[in-house]
């Protein structure tokens, strides 16, 4: 079955494959029990959140990054 899914995915366009991966990841994230962050990962996320709050004008949104990537092809 895994080979069939992989082959079906390969037939999709790159943007469609990216969308599929995002949708799969969302289903994993919804099942919050699927993974647990380590303490180091939690600290890093807290650090990044604090940095974002202290410097709201820095960085880019996911939408900006995704659009740039999709136009890069």
PDB file of N, CA and C in Angstrom:
ATOM      1  N   UNK A   1       0.821  -1.204   0.000  1.00  0.00           N
ATOM      2  CA  UNK A   1       0.000   0.000   0.000  1.00  0.00           C
ATOM      3  C   UNK A   1       0.856   1.255   0.000  1.00  0.00           C
ATOM      4  N   UNK A   2       1.966   1.225   0.755  1.00  0.00           N
ATOM      5  CA  UNK A   2       2.823   2.412   0.820  1.00  0.00           C
ATOM      6  C   UNK A   2       3.367   2.773  -0.555  1.00  0.00           C
ATOM      7  N   UNK A   3       3.778   1.778  -1.330  1.00  0.00           N
ATOM      8  CA  UNK A   3       4.288   2.046  -2.676  1.00  0.00           C
ATOM      9  C   UNK A   3       3.210   2.654  -3.557  1.00  0.00           C
ATOM     10  N   UNK A   4       1.983   2.196  -3.419  1.00  0.00           N
ATOM     11  CA  UNK A   4       0.883   2.736  -4.219  1.00  0.00           C
ATOM     12  C   UNK A   4       0.631   4.199  -3.858  1.00  0.00           C
ATOM     13  N   UNK A   5       0.667   4.506  -2.578  1.00  0.00           N
ATOM     14  CA  UNK A   5       0.469   5.888  -2.144  1.00  0.00           C
ATOM     15  C   UNK A   5       1.601   6.782  -2.645  1.00  0.00           C
ATOM     16  N   UNK A   6       2.818   6.281  -2.548  1.00  0.00           N
ATOM     17  CA  UNK A   6       3.975   7.055  -3.010  1.00  0.00           C
ATOM     18  C   UNK A   6       3.884   7.321  -4.504  1.00  0.00           C
ATOM     19  N   UNK A   7       3.535   6.311  -5.259  1.00  0.00           N
ATOM     20  CA  UNK A   7       3.419   6.476  -6.711  1.00  0.00           C
ATOM     21  C   UNK A   7       2.289   7.439  -7.059  1.00  0.00           C
ATOM     22  N   UNK A   8       1.178   7.363  -6.345  1.00  0.00           N
ATOM     23  CA  UNK A   8       0.073   8.292  -6.588  1.00  0.00           C
ATOM     24  C   UNK A   8       0.506   9.718  -6.268  1.00  0.00           C
ATOM     25  N   UNK A   9       1.253   9.885  -5.193  1.00  0.00           N
ATOM     26  CA  UNK A   9       1.724  11.217  -4.805  1.00  0.00           C
ATOM     27  C   UNK A   9       2.692  11.772  -5.849  1.00  0.00           C
ATOM     28  N   UNK A  10       3.542  10.933  -6.403  1.00  0.00           N
ATOM     29  CA  UNK A  10       4.508  11.375  -7.421  1.00  0.00           C
ATOM     30  C   UNK A  10       3.825  11.921  -8.673  1.00  0.00           C
ATOM     31  N   UNK A  11       2.619  11.493  -8.924  1.00  0.00           N
ATOM     32  CA  UNK A  11       1.893  11.951 -10.104  1.00  0.00           C
ATOM     33  C   UNK A  11       1.299  13.347  -9.912  1.00  0.00           C
ATOM     34  N   UNK A  12       1.255  13.806  -8.671  1.00  0.00           N
ATOM     35  CA  UNK A  12       0.731  15.146  -8.382  1.00  0.00           C
ATOM     36  C   UNK A  12       1.762  16.205  -8.738  1.00  0.00           C
ATOM     37  N   UNK A  13       1.288  17.408  -8.986  1.00  0.00           N
ATOM     38  CA  UNK A  13       2.210  18.526  -9.203  1.00  0.00           C
ATOM     39  C   UNK A  13       2.908  18.833  -7.878  1.00  0.00           C
ATOM     40  N   UNK A  14       4.019  19.541  -7.958  1.00  0.00           N
ATOM     41  CA  UNK A  14       4.749  19.893  -6.730  1.00  0.00           C
ATOM     42  C   UNK A  14       3.866  20.710  -5.787  1.00  0.00           C
ATOM     43  N   UNK A  15       3.155  21.737  -6.258  1.00  0.00           N
ATOM     44  CA  UNK A  15       2.284  22.465  -5.319  1.00  0.00           C
ATOM     45  C   UNK A  15       1.229  21.562  -4.673  1.00  0.00           C
ATOM     46  N   UNK A  16       0.684  20.615  -5.442  1.00  0.00           N
ATOM     47  CA  UNK A  16      -0.299  19.694  -4.869  1.00  0.00           C
ATOM     48  C   UNK A  16       0.342  18.755  -3.852  1.00  0.00           C
ATOM     49  N   UNK A  17       1.578  18.326  -4.103  1.00  0.00           N
ATOM     50  CA  UNK A  17       2.278  17.480  -3.137  1.00  0.00           C
ATOM     51  C   UNK A  17       2.550  18.235  -1.851  1.00  0.00           C
ATOM     52  N   UNK A  18       2.923  19.496  -1.972  1.00  0.00           N
ATOM     53  CA  UNK A  18       3.164  20.320  -0.782  1.00  0.00           C
ATOM     54  C   UNK A  18       1.871  20.461   0.017  1.00  0.00           C
ATOM     55  N   UNK A  19       0.778  20.706  -0.674  1.00  0.00           N
ATOM     56  CA  UNK A  19      -0.522  20.808   0.002  1.00  0.00           C
ATOM     57  C   UNK A  19      -0.871  19.497   0.695  1.00  0.00           C
ATOM     58  N   UNK A  20      -0.611  18.381   0.041  1.00  0.00           N
ATOM     59  CA  UNK A  20      -0.883  17.075   0.638  1.00  0.00           C
ATOM     60  C   UNK A  20      -0.065  16.875   1.913  1.00  0.00           C
ATOM     61  N   UNK A  21       1.208  17.225   1.857  1.00  0.00           N
ATOM     62  CA  UNK A  21       2.062  17.094   3.043  1.00  0.00           C
ATOM     63  C   UNK A  21       1.534  17.964   4.179  1.00  0.00           C
ATOM     64  N   UNK A  22       1.125  19.181   3.864  1.00  0.00           N
ATOM     65  CA  UNK A  22       0.570  20.070   4.888  1.00  0.00           C
ATOM     66  C   UNK A  22      -0.680  19.457   5.509  1.00  0.00           C
ATOM     67  N   UNK A  23      -1.542  18.894   4.674  1.00  0.00           N
ATOM     68  CA  UNK A  23      -2.771  18.293   5.177  1.00  0.00           C
ATOM     69  C   UNK A  23      -2.474  17.075   6.045  1.00  0.00           C
ATOM     70  N   UNK A  24      -1.516  16.262   5.634  1.00  0.00           N
ATOM     71  CA  UNK A  24      -1.130  15.107   6.445  1.00  0.00           C
ATOM     72  C   UNK A  24      -0.570  15.571   7.785  1.00  0.00           C
ATOM     73  N   UNK A  25       0.315  16.565   7.738  1.00  0.00           N
ATOM     74  CA  UNK A  25       0.900  17.075   8.979  1.00  0.00           C
ATOM     75  C   UNK A  25      -0.187  17.627   9.898  1.00  0.00           C
ATOM     76  N   UNK A  26      -1.165  18.321   9.342  1.00  0.00           N
ATOM     77  CA  UNK A  26      -2.259  18.858  10.157  1.00  0.00           C
ATOM     78  C   UNK A  26      -3.017  17.742  10.866  1.00  0.00           C
ATOM     79  N   UNK A  27      -3.230  16.616  10.187  1.00  0.00           N
ATOM     80  CA  UNK A  27      -3.940  15.518  10.841  1.00  0.00           C
ATOM     81  C   UNK A  27      -3.107  14.936  11.978  1.00  0.00           C
ATOM     82  N   UNK A  28      -1.790  14.919  11.816  1.00  0.00           N
ATOM     83  CA  UNK A  28      -0.914  14.435  12.894  1.00  0.00           C
ATOM     84  C   UNK A  28      -0.964  15.393  14.072  1.00  0.00           C
ATOM     85  N   UNK A  29      -0.881  16.684  13.777  1.00  0.00           N
ATOM     86  CA  UNK A  29      -0.904  17.691  14.837  1.00  0.00           C
ATOM     87  C   UNK A  29      -2.227  17.680  15.590  1.00  0.00           C
ATOM     88  N   UNK A  30      -3.319  17.387  14.882  1.00  0.00           N
ATOM     89  CA  UNK A  30      -4.628  17.324  15.526  1.00  0.00           C
ATOM     90  C   UNK A  30      -4.686  16.215  16.569  1.00  0.00           C
ATOM     91  N   UNK A  31      -3.956  15.153  16.321  1.00  0.00           N
ATOM     92  CA  UNK A  31      -3.896  14.041  17.266  1.00  0.00           C
ATOM     93  C   UNK A  31      -2.776  14.307  18.252  1.00  0.00           C
ATOM     94  N   UNK A  32      -2.889  15.354  18.982  1.00  0.00           N
ATOM     95  CA  UNK A  32      -1.850  15.885  19.863  1.00  0.00           C
ATOM     96  C   UNK A  32      -1.002  14.810  20.540  1.00  0.00           C
ATOM     97  N   UNK A  33      -1.500  13.616  20.650  1.00  0.00           N
ATOM     98  CA  UNK A  33      -0.773  12.552  21.322  1.00  0.00           C
ATOM     99  C   UNK A  33       0.300  11.938  20.424  1.00  0.00           C
ATOM    100  N   UNK A  34       0.313  12.311  19.163  1.00  0.00           N
ATOM    101  CA  UNK A  34       1.222  11.685  18.209  1.00  0.00           C
ATOM    102  C   UNK A  34       2.687  11.965  18.521  1.00  0.00           C
ATOM    103  N   UNK A  35       2.962  13.095  19.137  1.00  0.00           N
ATOM    104  CA  UNK A  35       4.335  13.421  19.472  1.00  0.00           C
ATOM    105  C   UNK A  35       4.366  14.388  20.643  1.00  0.00           C
ATOM    106  N   UNK A  36       5.461  14.387  21.332  1.00  0.00           N
ATOM    107  CA  UNK A  36       5.649  15.286  22.462  1.00  0.00           C
ATOM    108  C   UNK A  36       6.944  16.056  22.229  1.00  0.00           C
ATOM    109  N   UNK A  37       6.884  17.365  22.410  1.00  0.00           N
ATOM    110  CA  UNK A  37       8.086  18.178  22.265  1.00  0.00           C
ATOM    111  C   UNK A  37       9.028  17.918  23.428  1.00  0.00           C
ATOM    112  N   UNK A  38      10.312  17.978  23.135  1.00  0.00           N
ATOM    113  CA  UNK A  38      11.298  17.870  24.207  1.00  0.00           C
ATOM    114  C   UNK A  38      11.345  19.188  24.966  1.00  0.00           C
ATOM    115  N   UNK A  39      11.968  19.182  26.126  1.00  0.00           N
ATOM    116  CA  UNK A  39      12.122  20.421  26.888  1.00  0.00           C
ATOM    117  C   UNK A  39      12.925  21.448  26.099  1.00  0.00           C
ATOM    118  N   UNK A  40      13.947  20.995  25.382  1.00  0.00           N
ATOM    119  CA  UNK A  40      14.763  21.907  24.568  1.00  0.00           C
ATOM    120  C   UNK A  40      13.924  22.539  23.463  1.00  0.00           C
ATOM    121  N   UNK A  41      13.057  21.768  22.838  1.00  0.00           N
ATOM    122  CA  UNK A  41      12.191  22.301  21.785  1.00  0.00           C
ATOM    123  C   UNK A  41      11.207  23.308  22.367  1.00  0.00           C
ATOM    124  N   UNK A  42      10.662  23.003  23.530  1.00  0.00           N
ATOM    125  CA  UNK A  42       9.744  23.933  24.176  1.00  0.00           C
ATOM    126  C   UNK A  42      10.442  25.247  24.519  1.00  0.00           C
ATOM    127  N   UNK A  43      11.670  25.159  25.029  1.00  0.00           N
ATOM    128  CA  UNK A  43      12.432  26.381  25.350  1.00  0.00           C
ATOM    129  C   UNK A  43      12.708  27.193  24.094  1.00  0.00           C
ATOM    130  N   UNK A  44      13.050  26.508  23.004  1.00  0.00           N
ATOM    131  CA  UNK A  44      13.327  27.205  21.745  1.00  0.00           C
ATOM    132  C   UNK A  44      12.075  27.901  21.225  1.00  0.00           C
ATOM    133  N   UNK A  45      10.935  27.230  21.295  1.00  0.00           N
ATOM    134  CA  UNK A  45       9.689  27.863  20.869  1.00  0.00           C
ATOM    135  C   UNK A  45       9.358  29.068  21.744  1.00  0.00           C
ATOM    136  N   UNK A  46       9.567  28.949  23.045  1.00  0.00           N
ATOM    137  CA  UNK A  46       9.344  30.080  23.947  1.00  0.00           C
ATOM    138  C   UNK A  46      10.272  31.239  23.598  1.00  0.00           C
ATOM    139  N   UNK A  47      11.543  30.923  23.300  1.00  0.00           N
ATOM    140  CA  UNK A  47      12.510  31.959  22.932  1.00  0.00           C
ATOM    141  C   UNK A  47      12.071  32.668  21.653  1.00  0.00           C
ATOM    142  N   UNK A  48      11.636  31.912  20.676  1.00  0.00           N
ATOM    143  CA  UNK A  48      11.201  32.497  19.408  1.00  0.00           C
ATOM    144  C   UNK A  48       9.935  33.333  19.585  1.00  0.00           C
ATOM    145  N   UNK A  49       9.027  32.862  20.419  1.00  0.00           N
ATOM    146  CA  UNK A  49       7.801  33.617  20.681  1.00  0.00           C
ATOM    147  C   UNK A  49       8.131  34.945  21.356  1.00  0.00           C
ATOM    148  N   UNK A  50       9.014  34.914  22.328  1.00  0.00           N
ATOM    149  CA  UNK A  50       9.414  36.149  23.010  1.00  0.00           C
ATOM    150  C   UNK A  50      10.108  37.101  22.036  1.00  0.00           C
ATOM    151  N   UNK A  51      10.972  36.577  21.187  1.00  0.00           N
ATOM    152  CA  UNK A  51      11.644  37.399  20.191  1.00  0.00           C
ATOM    153  C   UNK A  51      10.636  38.035  19.241  1.00  0.00           C
ATOM    154  N   UNK A  52       9.640  37.272  18.852  1.00  0.00           N
ATOM    155  CA  UNK A  52       8.603  37.779  17.959  1.00  0.00           C
ATOM    156  C   UNK A  52       7.810  38.907  18.619  1.00  0.00           C
ATOM    157  N   UNK A  53       7.508  38.724  19.884  1.00  0.00           N
ATOM    158  CA  UNK A  53       6.763  39.759  20.605  1.00  0.00           C
ATOM    159  C   UNK A  53       7.605  41.013  20.820  1.00  0.00           C
ATOM    160  N   UNK A  54       8.897  40.840  21.052  1.00  0.00           N
ATOM    161  CA  UNK A  54       9.792  41.981  21.289  1.00  0.00           C
ATOM    162  C   UNK A  54      10.108  42.723  19.992  1.00  0.00           C
ATOM    163  N   UNK A  55      10.043  42.030  18.858  1.00  0.00           N
ATOM    164  CA  UNK A  55      10.397  42.611  17.554  1.00  0.00           C
ATOM    165  C   UNK A  55       9.310  42.280  16.535  1.00  0.00           C
ATOM    166  N   UNK A  56       8.122  42.847  16.692  1.00  0.00           N
ATOM    167  CA  UNK A  56       6.998  42.441  15.840  1.00  0.00           C
ATOM    168  C   UNK A  56       7.196  42.715  14.347  1.00  0.00           C
ATOM    169  N   UNK A  57       8.068  43.637  13.981  1.00  0.00           N
ATOM    170  CA  UNK A  57       8.268  43.956  12.574  1.00  0.00           C
ATOM    171  C   UNK A  57       9.249  43.041  11.871  1.00  0.00           C
ATOM    172  N   UNK A  58       9.949  42.217  12.617  1.00  0.00           N
ATOM    173  CA  UNK A  58      10.937  41.327  12.008  1.00  0.00           C
ATOM    174  C   UNK A  58      10.283  40.036  11.548  1.00  0.00           C
ATOM    175  N   UNK A  59      10.934  39.408  10.615  1.00  0.00           N
ATOM    176  CA  UNK A  59      10.452  38.116  10.144  1.00  0.00           C
ATOM    177  C   UNK A  59       9.393  38.250   9.070  1.00  0.00           C
ATOM    178  N   UNK A  60       8.943  37.086   8.607  1.00  0.00           N
ATOM    179  CA  UNK A  60       7.915  37.036   7.576  1.00  0.00           C
ATOM    180  C   UNK A  60       6.850  36.044   7.996  1.00  0.00           C
ATOM    181  N   UNK A  61       5.678  36.211   7.441  1.00  0.00           N
ATOM    182  CA  UNK A  61       4.592  35.288   7.730  1.00  0.00           C
ATOM    183  C   UNK A  61       4.793  34.007   6.925  1.00  0.00           C
ATOM    184  N   UNK A  62       4.123  32.951   7.361  1.00  0.00           N
ATOM    185  CA  UNK A  62       4.156  31.689   6.623  1.00  0.00           C
ATOM    186  C   UNK A  62       3.627  31.899   5.208  1.00  0.00           C
ATOM    187  N   UNK A  63       2.601  32.726   5.073  1.00  0.00           N
ATOM    188  CA  UNK A  63       2.031  32.986   3.751  1.00  0.00           C
ATOM    189  C   UNK A  63       3.074  33.619   2.830  1.00  0.00           C
ATOM    190  N   UNK A  64       3.883  34.553   3.341  1.00  0.00           N
ATOM    191  CA  UNK A  64       4.929  35.188   2.534  1.00  0.00           C
ATOM    192  C   UNK A  64       5.994  34.184   2.121  1.00  0.00           C
ATOM    193  N   UNK A  65       6.418  33.361   3.051  1.00  0.00           N
ATOM    194  CA  UNK A  65       7.453  32.370   2.759  1.00  0.00           C
ATOM    195  C   UNK A  65       6.938  31.342   1.750  1.00  0.00           C
ATOM    196  N   UNK A  66       5.726  30.873   1.968  1.00  0.00           N
ATOM    197  CA  UNK A  66       5.135  29.883   1.067  1.00  0.00           C
ATOM    198  C   UNK A  66       4.979  30.454  -0.342  1.00  0.00           C
ATOM    199  N   UNK A  67       4.502  31.697  -0.448  1.00  0.00           N
ATOM    200  CA  UNK A  67       4.338  32.323  -1.761  1.00  0.00           C
ATOM    201  C   UNK A  67       5.682  32.446  -2.476  1.00  0.00           C
ATOM    202  N   UNK A  68       6.712  32.829  -1.735  1.00  0.00           N
ATOM    203  CA  UNK A  68       8.050  32.944  -2.336  1.00  0.00           C
ATOM    204  C   UNK A  68       8.518  31.584  -2.834  1.00  0.00           C
ATOM    205  N   UNK A  69       8.313  30.550  -2.030  1.00  0.00           N
ATOM    206  CA  UNK A  69       8.730  29.207  -2.422  1.00  0.00           C
ATOM    207  C   UNK A  69       7.967  28.733  -3.662  1.00  0.00           C
ATOM    208  N   UNK A  70       6.669  28.967  -3.684  1.00  0.00           N
ATOM    209  CA  UNK A  70       5.857  28.507  -4.813  1.00  0.00           C
ATOM    210  C   UNK A  70       6.227  29.254  -6.103  1.00  0.00           C
ATOM    211  N   UNK A  71       6.686  30.474  -6.001  1.00  0.00           N
ATOM    212  CA  UNK A  71       7.086  31.244  -7.183  1.00  0.00           C
ATOM    213  C   UNK A  71       8.525  30.959  -7.587  1.00  0.00           C
ATOM    214  N   UNK A  72       9.274  30.289  -6.718  1.00  0.00           N
ATOM    215  CA  UNK A  72      10.692  30.004  -6.974  1.00  0.00           C
ATOM    216  C   UNK A  72      10.853  28.982  -8.085  1.00  0.00           C
ATOM    217  N   UNK A  73       9.915  28.085  -8.174  1.00  0.00           N
ATOM    218  CA  UNK A  73      10.027  27.018  -9.168  1.00  0.00           C
ATOM    219  C   UNK A  73      10.165  27.656 -10.485  1.00  0.00           C
TER     220      UNK A  73
END
